[in-house]
PDB file of N, CA and C in Angstrom:
ATOM      1  N   MET A   1      -8.363 -38.569 -70.240  1.00  0.00           N
ATOM      2  CA  MET A   1      -7.627 -37.775 -69.289  1.00  0.00           C
ATOM      3  C   MET A   1      -7.532 -38.563 -67.945  1.00  0.00           C
ATOM      4  N   ILE A   2      -8.672 -39.085 -67.498  1.00  0.00           N
ATOM      5  CA  ILE A   2      -8.735 -39.829 -66.205  1.00  0.00           C
ATOM      6  C   ILE A   2      -7.988 -41.158 -66.345  1.00  0.00           C
ATOM      7  N   THR A   3      -8.044 -41.811 -67.485  1.00  0.00           N
ATOM      8  CA  THR A   3      -7.294 -43.034 -67.685  1.00  0.00           C
ATOM      9  C   THR A   3      -5.784 -42.779 -67.629  1.00  0.00           C
ATOM     10  N   ALA A   4      -5.323 -41.728 -68.125  1.00  0.00           N
ATOM     11  CA  ALA A   4      -3.914 -41.449 -67.993  1.00  0.00           C
ATOM     12  C   ALA A   4      -3.466 -41.156 -66.605  1.00  0.00           C
ATOM     13  N   ALA A   5      -4.286 -40.513 -65.847  1.00  0.00           N
ATOM     14  CA  ALA A   5      -3.976 -40.161 -64.406  1.00  0.00           C
ATOM     15  C   ALA A   5      -3.962 -41.512 -63.590  1.00  0.00           C
ATOM     16  N   VAL A   6      -4.933 -42.401 -63.889  1.00  0.00           N
ATOM     17  CA  VAL A   6      -4.929 -43.630 -63.198  1.00  0.00           C
ATOM     18  C   VAL A   6      -3.695 -44.486 -63.523  1.00  0.00           C
ATOM     19  N   ILE A   7      -3.402 -44.468 -64.721  1.00  0.00           N
ATOM     20  CA  ILE A   7      -2.083 -45.234 -65.165  1.00  0.00           C
ATOM     21  C   ILE A   7      -0.934 -44.608 -64.533  1.00  0.00           C
ATOM     22  N   GLY A   8      -0.820 -43.330 -64.456  1.00  0.00           N
ATOM     23  CA  GLY A   8       0.309 -42.646 -63.841  1.00  0.00           C
ATOM     24  C   GLY A   8       0.400 -43.012 -62.361  1.00  0.00           C
ATOM     25  N   ILE A   9      -0.705 -42.942 -61.637  1.00  0.00           N
ATOM     26  CA  ILE A   9      -0.715 -43.249 -60.208  1.00  0.00           C
ATOM     27  C   ILE A   9      -0.308 -44.751 -60.057  1.00  0.00           C
ATOM     28  N   LEU A  10      -0.818 -45.667 -60.795  1.00  0.00           N
ATOM     29  CA  LEU A  10      -0.381 -47.088 -60.708  1.00  0.00           C
ATOM     30  C   LEU A  10       1.082 -47.224 -60.960  1.00  0.00           C
ATOM     31  N   PHE A  11       1.632 -46.551 -61.896  1.00  0.00           N
ATOM     32  CA  PHE A  11       3.104 -46.622 -62.235  1.00  0.00           C
ATOM     33  C   PHE A  11       3.865 -46.092 -61.015  1.00  0.00           C
ATOM     34  N   VAL A  12       3.520 -45.035 -60.487  1.00  0.00           N
ATOM     35  CA  VAL A  12       4.177 -44.446 -59.257  1.00  0.00           C
ATOM     36  C   VAL A  12       4.139 -45.397 -58.083  1.00  0.00           C
ATOM     37  N   LEU A  13       2.934 -46.090 -57.809  1.00  0.00           N
ATOM     38  CA  LEU A  13       2.788 -46.993 -56.783  1.00  0.00           C
ATOM     39  C   LEU A  13       3.643 -48.206 -57.010  1.00  0.00           C
ATOM     40  N   ALA A  14       3.752 -48.726 -58.239  1.00  0.00           N
ATOM     41  CA  ALA A  14       4.551 -49.841 -58.576  1.00  0.00           C
ATOM     42  C   ALA A  14       6.003 -49.536 -58.323  1.00  0.00           C
ATOM     43  N   ALA A  15       6.430 -48.354 -58.718  1.00  0.00           N
ATOM     44  CA  ALA A  15       7.826 -47.923 -58.488  1.00  0.00           C
ATOM     45  C   ALA A  15       8.178 -47.899 -57.043  1.00  0.00           C
ATOM     46  N   VAL A  16       7.320 -47.272 -56.267  1.00  0.00           N
ATOM     47  CA  VAL A  16       7.564 -47.090 -54.792  1.00  0.00           C
ATOM     48  C   VAL A  16       7.592 -48.487 -54.168  1.00  0.00           C
ATOM     49  N   LEU A  17       6.689 -49.382 -54.554  1.00  0.00           N
ATOM     50  CA  LEU A  17       6.633 -50.673 -53.889  1.00  0.00           C
ATOM     51  C   LEU A  17       7.945 -51.493 -54.296  1.00  0.00           C
ATOM     52  N   SER A  18       8.379 -51.360 -55.540  1.00  0.00           N
ATOM     53  CA  SER A  18       9.642 -52.024 -55.952  1.00  0.00           C
ATOM     54  C   SER A  18      10.786 -51.573 -55.155  1.00  0.00           C
ATOM     55  N   VAL A  19      10.951 -50.274 -54.938  1.00  0.00           N
ATOM     56  CA  VAL A  19      12.125 -49.733 -54.125  1.00  0.00           C
ATOM     57  C   VAL A  19      11.991 -50.195 -52.714  1.00  0.00           C
ATOM     58  N   ILE A  20      10.867 -50.273 -52.126  1.00  0.00           N
ATOM     59  CA  ILE A  20      10.668 -50.795 -50.715  1.00  0.00           C
ATOM     60  C   ILE A  20      11.056 -52.226 -50.620  1.00  0.00           C
ATOM     61  N   LEU A  21      10.618 -53.130 -51.556  1.00  0.00           N
ATOM     62  CA  LEU A  21      11.010 -54.541 -51.586  1.00  0.00           C
ATOM     63  C   LEU A  21      12.502 -54.719 -51.777  1.00  0.00           C
ATOM     64  N   LEU A  22      13.045 -53.912 -52.679  1.00  0.00           N
ATOM     65  CA  LEU A  22      14.540 -54.073 -52.857  1.00  0.00           C
ATOM     66  C   LEU A  22      15.363 -53.727 -51.729  1.00  0.00           C
ATOM     67  N   CYS A  23      14.920 -52.634 -51.014  1.00  0.00           N
ATOM     68  CA  CYS A  23      15.681 -52.139 -49.831  1.00  0.00           C
ATOM     69  C   CYS A  23      15.543 -53.017 -48.593  1.00  0.00           C
ATOM     70  N   THR A  24      14.365 -53.702 -48.472  1.00  0.00           N
ATOM     71  CA  THR A  24      14.155 -54.497 -47.236  1.00  0.00           C
ATOM     72  C   THR A  24      14.609 -55.884 -47.442  1.00  0.00           C
ATOM     73  N   LYS A  25      14.818 -56.331 -48.688  1.00  0.00           N
ATOM     74  CA  LYS A  25      15.159 -57.715 -48.911  1.00  0.00           C
ATOM     75  C   LYS A  25      16.641 -57.966 -48.507  1.00  0.00           C
ATOM     76  N   GLY A  26      16.906 -58.959 -47.661  1.00  0.00           N
ATOM     77  CA  GLY A  26      18.324 -59.348 -47.310  1.00  0.00           C
ATOM     78  C   GLY A  26      18.951 -60.086 -48.480  1.00  0.00           C
ATOM     79  N   ASN A  27      20.198 -60.304 -48.336  1.00  0.00           N
ATOM     80  CA  ASN A  27      20.871 -60.961 -49.502  1.00  0.00           C
ATOM     81  C   ASN A  27      21.060 -62.498 -49.118  1.00  0.00           C
ATOM     82  N   ASN A  28      20.460 -62.956 -48.024  1.00  0.00           N
ATOM     83  CA  ASN A  28      20.501 -64.274 -47.636  1.00  0.00           C
ATOM     84  C   ASN A  28      21.919 -64.886 -47.625  1.00  0.00           C
ATOM     85  N   ALA A  29      22.824 -64.040 -47.090  1.00  0.00           N
ATOM     86  CA  ALA A  29      24.239 -64.458 -47.202  1.00  0.00           C
ATOM     87  C   ALA A  29      24.742 -65.115 -45.865  1.00  0.00           C
ATOM     88  N   THR A  30      25.516 -66.236 -45.951  1.00  0.00           N
ATOM     89  CA  THR A  30      26.071 -66.868 -44.791  1.00  0.00           C
ATOM     90  C   THR A  30      27.580 -66.860 -44.985  1.00  0.00           C
ATOM     91  N   ALA A  31      28.348 -66.528 -43.976  1.00  0.00           N
ATOM     92  CA  ALA A  31      29.785 -66.562 -43.966  1.00  0.00           C
ATOM     93  C   ALA A  31      30.247 -67.815 -43.363  1.00  0.00           C
ATOM     94  N   TYR A  32      31.213 -68.507 -44.010  1.00  0.00           N
ATOM     95  CA  TYR A  32      31.820 -69.766 -43.556  1.00  0.00           C
ATOM     96  C   TYR A  32      33.322 -69.399 -43.257  1.00  0.00           C
ATOM     97  N   ILE A  33      33.713 -69.562 -42.099  1.00  0.00           N
ATOM     98  CA  ILE A  33      35.113 -69.243 -41.642  1.00  0.00           C
ATOM     99  C   ILE A  33      35.859 -70.581 -41.414  1.00  0.00           C
ATOM    100  N   TYR A  34      36.899 -70.711 -42.211  1.00  0.00           N
ATOM    101  CA  TYR A  34      37.787 -71.871 -42.124  1.00  0.00           C
ATOM    102  C   TYR A  34      39.080 -71.576 -41.567  1.00  0.00           C
ATOM    103  N   SER A  35      39.595 -72.295 -40.618  1.00  0.00           N
ATOM    104  CA  SER A  35      40.948 -72.170 -40.127  1.00  0.00           C
ATOM    105  C   SER A  35      41.704 -73.524 -40.105  1.00  0.00           C
ATOM    106  N   ASP A  36      42.907 -73.522 -40.683  1.00  0.00           N
ATOM    107  CA  ASP A  36      43.662 -74.693 -40.774  1.00  0.00           C
ATOM    108  C   ASP A  36      42.874 -75.884 -41.538  1.00  0.00           C
ATOM    109  N   GLY A  37      42.076 -75.400 -42.491  1.00  0.00           N
ATOM    110  CA  GLY A  37      41.369 -76.378 -43.340  1.00  0.00           C
ATOM    111  C   GLY A  37      40.045 -76.906 -42.734  1.00  0.00           C
ATOM    112  N   GLU A  38      39.659 -76.438 -41.503  1.00  0.00           N
ATOM    113  CA  GLU A  38      38.498 -76.999 -40.883  1.00  0.00           C
ATOM    114  C   GLU A  38      37.445 -75.756 -40.739  1.00  0.00           C
ATOM    115  N   LEU A  39      36.182 -76.113 -40.988  1.00  0.00           N
ATOM    116  CA  LEU A  39      35.135 -75.141 -40.814  1.00  0.00           C
ATOM    117  C   LEU A  39      35.002 -74.825 -39.272  1.00  0.00           C
ATOM    118  N   LYS A  40      35.254 -73.590 -38.846  1.00  0.00           N
ATOM    119  CA  LYS A  40      35.199 -73.212 -37.422  1.00  0.00           C
ATOM    120  C   LYS A  40      33.906 -72.505 -37.123  1.00  0.00           C
ATOM    121  N   TYR A  41      33.429 -71.611 -37.939  1.00  0.00           N
ATOM    122  CA  TYR A  41      32.252 -70.788 -37.690  1.00  0.00           C
ATOM    123  C   TYR A  41      31.378 -70.697 -38.935  1.00  0.00           C
ATOM    124  N   THR A  42      30.125 -70.638 -38.671  1.00  0.00           N
ATOM    125  CA  THR A  42      29.097 -70.269 -39.688  1.00  0.00           C
ATOM    126  C   THR A  42      28.298 -69.147 -39.170  1.00  0.00           C
ATOM    127  N   LEU A  43      28.244 -68.027 -39.922  1.00  0.00           N
ATOM    128  CA  LEU A  43      27.462 -66.839 -39.450  1.00  0.00           C
ATOM    129  C   LEU A  43      26.463 -66.441 -40.571  1.00  0.00           C
ATOM    130  N   PRO A  44      25.228 -66.495 -40.205  1.00  0.00           N
ATOM    131  CA  PRO A  44      24.146 -65.973 -41.069  1.00  0.00           C
ATOM    132  C   PRO A  44      24.241 -64.369 -41.091  1.00  0.00           C
ATOM    133  N   LEU A  45      24.802 -63.818 -41.969  1.00  0.00           N
ATOM    134  CA  LEU A  45      25.120 -62.314 -41.940  1.00  0.00           C
ATOM    135  C   LEU A  45      23.897 -61.513 -41.895  1.00  0.00           C
ATOM    136  N   ASP A  46      22.784 -61.928 -42.411  1.00  0.00           N
ATOM    137  CA  ASP A  46      21.515 -61.108 -42.358  1.00  0.00           C
ATOM    138  C   ASP A  46      20.934 -61.145 -40.985  1.00  0.00           C
ATOM    139  N   SER A  47      21.282 -62.070 -40.138  1.00  0.00           N
ATOM    140  CA  SER A  47      20.696 -62.138 -38.869  1.00  0.00           C
ATOM    141  C   SER A  47      21.537 -61.306 -37.810  1.00  0.00           C
ATOM    142  N   ILE A  48      22.657 -60.775 -38.134  1.00  0.00           N
ATOM    143  CA  ILE A  48      23.387 -60.007 -37.203  1.00  0.00           C
ATOM    144  C   ILE A  48      22.845 -58.637 -36.949  1.00  0.00           C
ATOM    145  N   ASN A  49      22.572 -58.355 -35.685  1.00  0.00           N
ATOM    146  CA  ASN A  49      21.990 -56.978 -35.328  1.00  0.00           C
ATOM    147  C   ASN A  49      22.995 -56.115 -34.747  1.00  0.00           C
ATOM    148  N   GLU A  50      24.103 -56.708 -34.103  1.00  0.00           N
ATOM    149  CA  GLU A  50      25.178 -55.973 -33.519  1.00  0.00           C
ATOM    150  C   GLU A  50      26.512 -56.536 -34.044  1.00  0.00           C
ATOM    151  N   THR A  51      27.486 -55.698 -34.091  1.00  0.00           N
ATOM    152  CA  THR A  51      28.832 -56.158 -34.620  1.00  0.00           C
ATOM    153  C   THR A  51      29.318 -57.293 -33.803  1.00  0.00           C
ATOM    154  N   VAL A  52      29.837 -58.380 -34.492  1.00  0.00           N
ATOM    155  CA  VAL A  52      30.343 -59.576 -33.899  1.00  0.00           C
ATOM    156  C   VAL A  52      31.880 -59.554 -34.195  1.00  0.00           C
ATOM    157  N   THR A  53      32.683 -59.629 -33.171  1.00  0.00           N
ATOM    158  CA  THR A  53      34.155 -59.660 -33.365  1.00  0.00           C
ATOM    159  C   THR A  53      34.667 -60.912 -32.813  1.00  0.00           C
ATOM    160  N   MET A  54      35.560 -61.562 -33.502  1.00  0.00           N
ATOM    161  CA  MET A  54      36.145 -62.798 -32.937  1.00  0.00           C
ATOM    162  C   MET A  54      37.584 -62.885 -33.361  1.00  0.00           C
ATOM    163  N   ARG A  55      38.356 -63.571 -32.477  1.00  0.00           N
ATOM    164  CA  ARG A  55      39.750 -63.814 -32.739  1.00  0.00           C
ATOM    165  C   ARG A  55      39.913 -65.289 -33.156  1.00  0.00           C
ATOM    166  N   ILE A  56      40.601 -65.507 -34.245  1.00  0.00           N
ATOM    167  CA  ILE A  56      40.779 -66.842 -34.781  1.00  0.00           C
ATOM    168  C   ILE A  56      42.226 -67.160 -34.722  1.00  0.00           C
ATOM    169  N   ASP A  57      42.679 -68.066 -33.867  1.00  0.00           N
ATOM    170  CA  ASP A  57      44.069 -68.481 -33.803  1.00  0.00           C
ATOM    171  C   ASP A  57      44.364 -69.711 -34.683  1.00  0.00           C
ATOM    172  N   SER A  58      45.434 -69.672 -35.352  1.00  0.00           N
ATOM    173  CA  SER A  58      45.902 -70.804 -36.215  1.00  0.00           C
ATOM    174  C   SER A  58      46.875 -71.674 -35.451  1.00  0.00           C
ATOM    175  N   GLU A  59      47.056 -72.831 -35.998  1.00  0.00           N
ATOM    176  CA  GLU A  59      48.041 -73.727 -35.376  1.00  0.00           C
ATOM    177  C   GLU A  59      49.510 -73.245 -35.405  1.00  0.00           C
ATOM    178  N   ASN A  60      49.761 -72.344 -36.274  1.00  0.00           N
ATOM    179  CA  ASN A  60      51.215 -71.836 -36.429  1.00  0.00           C
ATOM    180  C   ASN A  60      51.507 -70.719 -35.464  1.00  0.00           C
ATOM    181  N   GLY A  61      50.514 -70.326 -34.562  1.00  0.00           N
ATOM    182  CA  GLY A  61      50.693 -69.242 -33.634  1.00  0.00           C
ATOM    183  C   GLY A  61      50.165 -67.971 -34.203  1.00  0.00           C
ATOM    184  N   GLY A  62      49.727 -67.812 -35.375  1.00  0.00           N
ATOM    185  CA  GLY A  62      49.272 -66.584 -35.889  1.00  0.00           C
ATOM    186  C   GLY A  62      47.762 -66.384 -35.571  1.00  0.00           C
ATOM    187  N   TYR A  63      47.279 -65.182 -35.857  1.00  0.00           N
ATOM    188  CA  TYR A  63      45.828 -64.936 -35.510  1.00  0.00           C
ATOM    189  C   TYR A  63      45.235 -63.961 -36.476  1.00  0.00           C
ATOM    190  N   ASN A  64      43.930 -63.865 -36.487  1.00  0.00           N
ATOM    191  CA  ASN A  64      43.223 -62.839 -37.300  1.00  0.00           C
ATOM    192  C   ASN A  64      42.088 -62.513 -36.468  1.00  0.00           C
ATOM    193  N   ILE A  65      41.722 -61.201 -36.525  1.00  0.00           N
ATOM    194  CA  ILE A  65      40.492 -60.682 -35.842  1.00  0.00           C
ATOM    195  C   ILE A  65      39.570 -60.380 -36.920  1.00  0.00           C
ATOM    196  N   VAL A  66      38.390 -61.014 -36.862  1.00  0.00           N
ATOM    197  CA  VAL A  66      37.373 -60.976 -37.851  1.00  0.00           C
ATOM    198  C   VAL A  66      36.154 -60.206 -37.226  1.00  0.00           C
ATOM    199  N   GLU A  67      35.620 -59.326 -38.014  1.00  0.00           N
ATOM    200  CA  GLU A  67      34.514 -58.528 -37.627  1.00  0.00           C
ATOM    201  C   GLU A  67      33.351 -58.719 -38.621  1.00  0.00           C
ATOM    202  N   ALA A  68      32.093 -59.031 -38.087  1.00  0.00           N
ATOM    203  CA  ALA A  68      30.964 -59.265 -38.956  1.00  0.00           C
ATOM    204  C   ALA A  68      29.914 -58.261 -38.528  1.00  0.00           C
ATOM    205  N   GLU A  69      29.264 -57.688 -39.536  1.00  0.00           N
ATOM    206  CA  GLU A  69      28.191 -56.700 -39.342  1.00  0.00           C
ATOM    207  C   GLU A  69      27.022 -57.239 -40.187  1.00  0.00           C
ATOM    208  N   LYS A  70      25.867 -56.578 -40.093  1.00  0.00           N
ATOM    209  CA  LYS A  70      24.744 -57.066 -40.774  1.00  0.00           C
ATOM    210  C   LYS A  70      25.046 -57.073 -42.294  1.00  0.00           C
ATOM    211  N   GLY A  71      25.034 -58.269 -42.933  1.00  0.00           N
ATOM    212  CA  GLY A  71      25.305 -58.430 -44.293  1.00  0.00           C
ATOM    213  C   GLY A  71      26.680 -58.435 -44.828  1.00  0.00           C
ATOM    214  N   LYS A  72      27.739 -58.267 -43.968  1.00  0.00           N
ATOM    215  CA  LYS A  72      29.057 -58.187 -44.418  1.00  0.00           C
ATOM    216  C   LYS A  72      30.079 -58.638 -43.397  1.00  0.00           C
ATOM    217  N   ILE A  73      31.319 -58.959 -43.855  1.00  0.00           N
ATOM    218  CA  ILE A  73      32.347 -59.434 -42.913  1.00  0.00           C
ATOM    219  C   ILE A  73      33.700 -59.044 -43.398  1.00  0.00           C
ATOM    220  N   HIS A  74      34.653 -58.792 -42.508  1.00  0.00           N
ATOM    221  CA  HIS A  74      36.051 -58.458 -42.914  1.00  0.00           C
ATOM    222  C   HIS A  74      37.038 -58.798 -41.808  1.00  0.00           C
ATOM    223  N   VAL A  75      38.333 -58.757 -42.141  1.00  0.00           N
ATOM    224  CA  VAL A  75      39.423 -58.958 -41.162  1.00  0.00           C
ATOM    225  C   VAL A  75      39.900 -57.584 -40.794  1.00  0.00           C
ATOM    226  N   THR A  76      39.824 -57.277 -39.519  1.00  0.00           N
ATOM    227  CA  THR A  76      40.314 -55.989 -39.027  1.00  0.00           C
ATOM    228  C   THR A  76      41.754 -55.974 -38.535  1.00  0.00           C
ATOM    229  N   GLU A  77      42.316 -57.160 -38.160  1.00  0.00           N
ATOM    230  CA  GLU A  77      43.708 -57.245 -37.605  1.00  0.00           C
ATOM    231  C   GLU A  77      44.232 -58.608 -37.949  1.00  0.00           C
ATOM    232  N   ALA A  78      45.537 -58.722 -38.221  1.00  0.00           N
ATOM    233  CA  ALA A  78      46.138 -60.077 -38.553  1.00  0.00           C
ATOM    234  C   ALA A  78      47.608 -59.926 -38.179  1.00  0.00           C
ATOM    235  N   SER A  79      48.168 -61.163 -37.805  1.00  0.00           N
ATOM    236  CA  SER A  79      49.505 -61.194 -37.472  1.00  0.00           C
ATOM    237  C   SER A  79      50.373 -61.570 -38.726  1.00  0.00           C
ATOM    238  N   CYS A  80      49.817 -61.738 -39.840  1.00  0.00           N
ATOM    239  CA  CYS A  80      50.596 -62.059 -41.082  1.00  0.00           C
ATOM    240  C   CYS A  80      51.425 -60.906 -41.518  1.00  0.00           C
ATOM    241  N   PRO A  81      52.487 -61.116 -42.182  1.00  0.00           N
ATOM    242  CA  PRO A  81      53.369 -59.988 -42.581  1.00  0.00           C
ATOM    243  C   PRO A  81      52.753 -59.115 -43.786  1.00  0.00           C
ATOM    244  N   ASP A  82      51.977 -59.746 -44.652  1.00  0.00           N
ATOM    245  CA  ASP A  82      51.567 -58.979 -45.847  1.00  0.00           C
ATOM    246  C   ASP A  82      50.209 -58.300 -45.696  1.00  0.00           C
ATOM    247  N   LYS A  83      49.371 -58.728 -44.735  1.00  0.00           N
ATOM    248  CA  LYS A  83      48.022 -58.126 -44.454  1.00  0.00           C
ATOM    249  C   LYS A  83      47.082 -58.035 -45.691  1.00  0.00           C
ATOM    250  N   ILE A  84      47.298 -59.052 -46.556  1.00  0.00           N
ATOM    251  CA  ILE A  84      46.365 -59.060 -47.752  1.00  0.00           C
ATOM    252  C   ILE A  84      44.984 -59.350 -47.272  1.00  0.00           C
ATOM    253  N   CYS A  85      44.789 -60.110 -46.277  1.00  0.00           N
ATOM    254  CA  CYS A  85      43.442 -60.375 -45.805  1.00  0.00           C
ATOM    255  C   CYS A  85      42.792 -59.142 -45.209  1.00  0.00           C
ATOM    256  N   MET A  86      43.440 -58.268 -44.703  1.00  0.00           N
ATOM    257  CA  MET A  86      42.894 -57.016 -44.184  1.00  0.00           C
ATOM    258  C   MET A  86      42.581 -56.043 -45.412  1.00  0.00           C
ATOM    259  N   HIS A  87      43.466 -56.007 -46.336  1.00  0.00           N
ATOM    260  CA  HIS A  87      43.255 -55.145 -47.522  1.00  0.00           C
ATOM    261  C   HIS A  87      42.120 -55.674 -48.452  1.00  0.00           C
ATOM    262  N   THR A  88      41.626 -56.848 -48.298  1.00  0.00           N
ATOM    263  CA  THR A  88      40.545 -57.355 -49.096  1.00  0.00           C
ATOM    264  C   THR A  88      39.273 -56.533 -48.800  1.00  0.00           C
ATOM    265  N   GLY A  89      39.108 -56.106 -47.467  1.00  0.00           N
ATOM    266  CA  GLY A  89      37.993 -55.290 -47.140  1.00  0.00           C
ATOM    267  C   GLY A  89      36.809 -56.263 -46.804  1.00  0.00           C
ATOM    268  N   TYR A  90      35.643 -55.597 -46.805  1.00  0.00           N
ATOM    269  CA  TYR A  90      34.363 -56.260 -46.553  1.00  0.00           C
ATOM    270  C   TYR A  90      34.025 -57.151 -47.762  1.00  0.00           C
ATOM    271  N   ILE A  91      33.438 -58.337 -47.445  1.00  0.00           N
ATOM    272  CA  ILE A  91      32.881 -59.159 -48.409  1.00  0.00           C
ATOM    273  C   ILE A  91      31.374 -59.453 -48.080  1.00  0.00           C
ATOM    274  N   SER A  92      30.589 -59.616 -49.018  1.00  0.00           N
ATOM    275  CA  SER A  92      29.107 -59.760 -48.671  1.00  0.00           C
ATOM    276  C   SER A  92      28.349 -60.556 -49.762  1.00  0.00           C
ATOM    277  N   ASP A  93      28.888 -60.740 -50.987  1.00  0.00           N
ATOM    278  CA  ASP A  93      28.091 -61.406 -51.933  1.00  0.00           C
ATOM    279  C   ASP A  93      28.617 -62.651 -52.515  1.00  0.00           C
ATOM    280  N   GLY A  94      29.793 -63.191 -52.031  1.00  0.00           N
ATOM    281  CA  GLY A  94      30.279 -64.460 -52.442  1.00  0.00           C
ATOM    282  C   GLY A  94      31.166 -64.424 -53.725  1.00  0.00           C
ATOM    283  N   THR A  95      31.499 -63.251 -54.254  1.00  0.00           N
ATOM    284  CA  THR A  95      32.294 -63.259 -55.404  1.00  0.00           C
ATOM    285  C   THR A  95      33.775 -63.478 -55.115  1.00  0.00           C
ATOM    286  N   VAL A  96      34.245 -62.942 -53.952  1.00  0.00           N
ATOM    287  CA  VAL A  96      35.671 -63.074 -53.661  1.00  0.00           C
ATOM    288  C   VAL A  96      35.772 -63.484 -52.186  1.00  0.00           C
ATOM    289  N   PRO A  97      36.560 -64.522 -51.934  1.00  0.00           N
ATOM    290  CA  PRO A  97      36.779 -64.838 -50.494  1.00  0.00           C
ATOM    291  C   PRO A  97      37.833 -63.970 -49.946  1.00  0.00           C
ATOM    292  N   ILE A  98      37.967 -64.011 -48.560  1.00  0.00           N
ATOM    293  CA  ILE A  98      39.091 -63.499 -47.841  1.00  0.00           C
ATOM    294  C   ILE A  98      40.025 -64.555 -47.544  1.00  0.00           C
ATOM    295  N   SER A  99      41.293 -64.414 -47.831  1.00  0.00           N
ATOM    296  CA  SER A  99      42.332 -65.479 -47.650  1.00  0.00           C
ATOM    297  C   SER A  99      43.482 -64.960 -46.952  1.00  0.00           C
ATOM    298  N   CYS A 100      43.969 -65.675 -45.902  1.00  0.00           N
ATOM    299  CA  CYS A 100      45.242 -65.352 -45.158  1.00  0.00           C
ATOM    300  C   CYS A 100      45.994 -66.635 -45.205  1.00  0.00           C
ATOM    301  N   LEU A 101      46.866 -66.713 -46.222  1.00  0.00           N
ATOM    302  CA  LEU A 101      47.670 -67.940 -46.340  1.00  0.00           C
ATOM    303  C   LEU A 101      48.661 -68.136 -45.200  1.00  0.00           C
ATOM    304  N   PRO A 102      49.374 -67.123 -44.681  1.00  0.00           N
ATOM    305  CA  PRO A 102      50.221 -67.491 -43.579  1.00  0.00           C
ATOM    306  C   PRO A 102      49.493 -68.027 -42.362  1.00  0.00           C
ATOM    307  N   ASN A 103      48.280 -67.567 -42.134  1.00  0.00           N
ATOM    308  CA  ASN A 103      47.520 -68.037 -40.873  1.00  0.00           C
ATOM    309  C   ASN A 103      46.508 -69.063 -41.209  1.00  0.00           C
ATOM    310  N   LYS A 104      46.539 -69.571 -42.489  1.00  0.00           N
ATOM    311  CA  LYS A 104      45.593 -70.616 -42.946  1.00  0.00           C
ATOM    312  C   LYS A 104      44.143 -70.301 -42.678  1.00  0.00           C
ATOM    313  N   LEU A 105      43.693 -69.111 -43.024  1.00  0.00           N
ATOM    314  CA  LEU A 105      42.301 -68.653 -42.736  1.00  0.00           C
ATOM    315  C   LEU A 105      41.624 -68.378 -44.128  1.00  0.00           C
ATOM    316  N   ILE A 106      40.485 -68.864 -44.259  1.00  0.00           N
ATOM    317  CA  ILE A 106      39.652 -68.622 -45.435  1.00  0.00           C
ATOM    318  C   ILE A 106      38.234 -68.227 -44.940  1.00  0.00           C
ATOM    319  N   ILE A 107      37.756 -67.085 -45.484  1.00  0.00           N
ATOM    320  CA  ILE A 107      36.398 -66.677 -45.157  1.00  0.00           C
ATOM    321  C   ILE A 107      35.675 -66.622 -46.487  1.00  0.00           C
ATOM    322  N   ARG A 108      34.552 -67.353 -46.673  1.00  0.00           N
ATOM    323  CA  ARG A 108      33.844 -67.231 -47.872  1.00  0.00           C
ATOM    324  C   ARG A 108      32.328 -67.013 -47.555  1.00  0.00           C
ATOM    325  N   VAL A 109      31.686 -66.301 -48.433  1.00  0.00           N
ATOM    326  CA  VAL A 109      30.282 -65.996 -48.317  1.00  0.00           C
ATOM    327  C   VAL A 109      29.521 -66.648 -49.328  1.00  0.00           C
ATOM    328  N   GLU A 110      28.457 -67.270 -48.953  1.00  0.00           N
ATOM    329  CA  GLU A 110      27.473 -67.870 -49.908  1.00  0.00           C
ATOM    330  C   GLU A 110      26.072 -67.207 -49.786  1.00  0.00           C
ATOM    331  N   LYS A 111      25.586 -66.894 -51.000  1.00  0.00           N
ATOM    332  CA  LYS A 111      24.197 -66.425 -50.994  1.00  0.00           C
ATOM    333  C   LYS A 111      23.253 -67.498 -51.363  1.00  0.00           C
ATOM    334  N   LYS A 112      22.111 -67.611 -50.649  1.00  0.00           N
ATOM    335  CA  LYS A 112      21.196 -68.605 -51.020  1.00  0.00           C
ATOM    336  C   LYS A 112      20.312 -68.010 -52.145  1.00  0.00           C
ATOM    337  N   LYS A 113      20.310 -68.811 -53.233  1.00  0.00           N
ATOM    338  CA  LYS A 113      19.517 -68.326 -54.408  1.00  0.00           C
ATOM    339  C   LYS A 113      18.050 -68.450 -54.125  1.00  0.00           C
ATOM    340  N   THR A 114      17.340 -67.354 -54.471  1.00  0.00           N
ATOM    341  CA  THR A 114      15.950 -67.394 -54.381  1.00  0.00           C
ATOM    342  C   THR A 114      15.239 -67.849 -55.569  1.00  0.00           C
ATOM    343  N   ASP A 115      13.989 -68.227 -55.595  1.00  0.00           N
ATOM    344  CA  ASP A 115      13.262 -68.896 -56.700  1.00  0.00           C
ATOM    345  C   ASP A 115      13.237 -67.961 -57.932  1.00  0.00           C
ATOM    346  N   ASN A 116      13.144 -66.649 -57.715  1.00  0.00           N
ATOM    347  CA  ASN A 116      13.008 -65.766 -58.855  1.00  0.00           C
ATOM    348  C   ASN A 116      14.327 -65.184 -59.327  1.00  0.00           C
ATOM    349  N   GLU A 117      15.427 -65.760 -58.800  1.00  0.00           N
ATOM    350  CA  GLU A 117      16.798 -65.257 -59.145  1.00  0.00           C
ATOM    351  C   GLU A 117      17.282 -66.120 -60.403  1.00  0.00           C
ATOM    352  N   PRO A 118      17.829 -65.519 -61.438  1.00  0.00           N
ATOM    353  CA  PRO A 118      18.339 -66.304 -62.489  1.00  0.00           C
ATOM    354  C   PRO A 118      19.575 -67.038 -62.114  1.00  0.00           C
ATOM    355  N   ASP A 119      19.814 -68.204 -62.773  1.00  0.00           N
ATOM    356  CA  ASP A 119      21.014 -68.960 -62.555  1.00  0.00           C
ATOM    357  C   ASP A 119      22.206 -68.299 -63.178  1.00  0.00           C
ATOM    358  N   ILE A 120      21.995 -67.607 -64.318  1.00  0.00           N
ATOM    359  CA  ILE A 120      23.102 -66.958 -65.077  1.00  0.00           C
ATOM    360  C   ILE A 120      22.484 -65.721 -65.745  1.00  0.00           C
ATOM    361  N   MET A 121      23.300 -64.659 -65.819  1.00  0.00           N
ATOM    362  CA  MET A 121      22.804 -63.469 -66.558  1.00  0.00           C
ATOM    363  C   MET A 121      23.560 -63.342 -67.814  1.00  0.00           C
ATOM    364  N   ALA A 122      22.715 -63.123 -68.883  1.00  0.00           N
ATOM    365  CA  ALA A 122      23.260 -62.928 -70.186  1.00  0.00           C
ATOM    366  C   ALA A 122      22.954 -61.477 -70.723  1.00  0.00           C
ATOM    367  N   ASN A 123      23.763 -61.025 -71.513  1.00  0.00           N
ATOM    368  CA  ASN A 123      23.598 -59.665 -71.973  1.00  0.00           C
ATOM    369  C   ASN A 123      22.889 -59.708 -73.412  1.00  0.00           C
TER     370      ASN A 123
END
C-alpha cells in the first residue's frame, strides 16, 4: 500500500515537472528579415520583452510594417495590392515564411535544434 502511494506521488511530481519545463522552455527561434534580397534584420524572438515594430521600405517605393512579439512575428500593414503577407499571420516555428513579392520582403524563422530534439519524426 505504501509502495503504491510513493509511486503515485513520484508520478505526479514527474508530470508537474514536465509541464513546468515545457511551458518555460523557449523555442530558440530567430527571425531573419530580407528586403530586396539582402538580410536587413535579425531578431532573436525569445529575447523580445516588448513589442517591436519596424517599417521596412523597399527599393520600389513600397513598404511593410512588421511587428515582433516574444516568440512570434507578423506583418501588420503593407502597401502591396494583395496583402498576402498580412494574411499569413504570425509565424514562430519556421515551417512557413512570410513573403511579400511586390515589396520584395521575406521573413523566415529558424529554430535552433536542441541536443534532445530528433532530426526527423516518424510515425
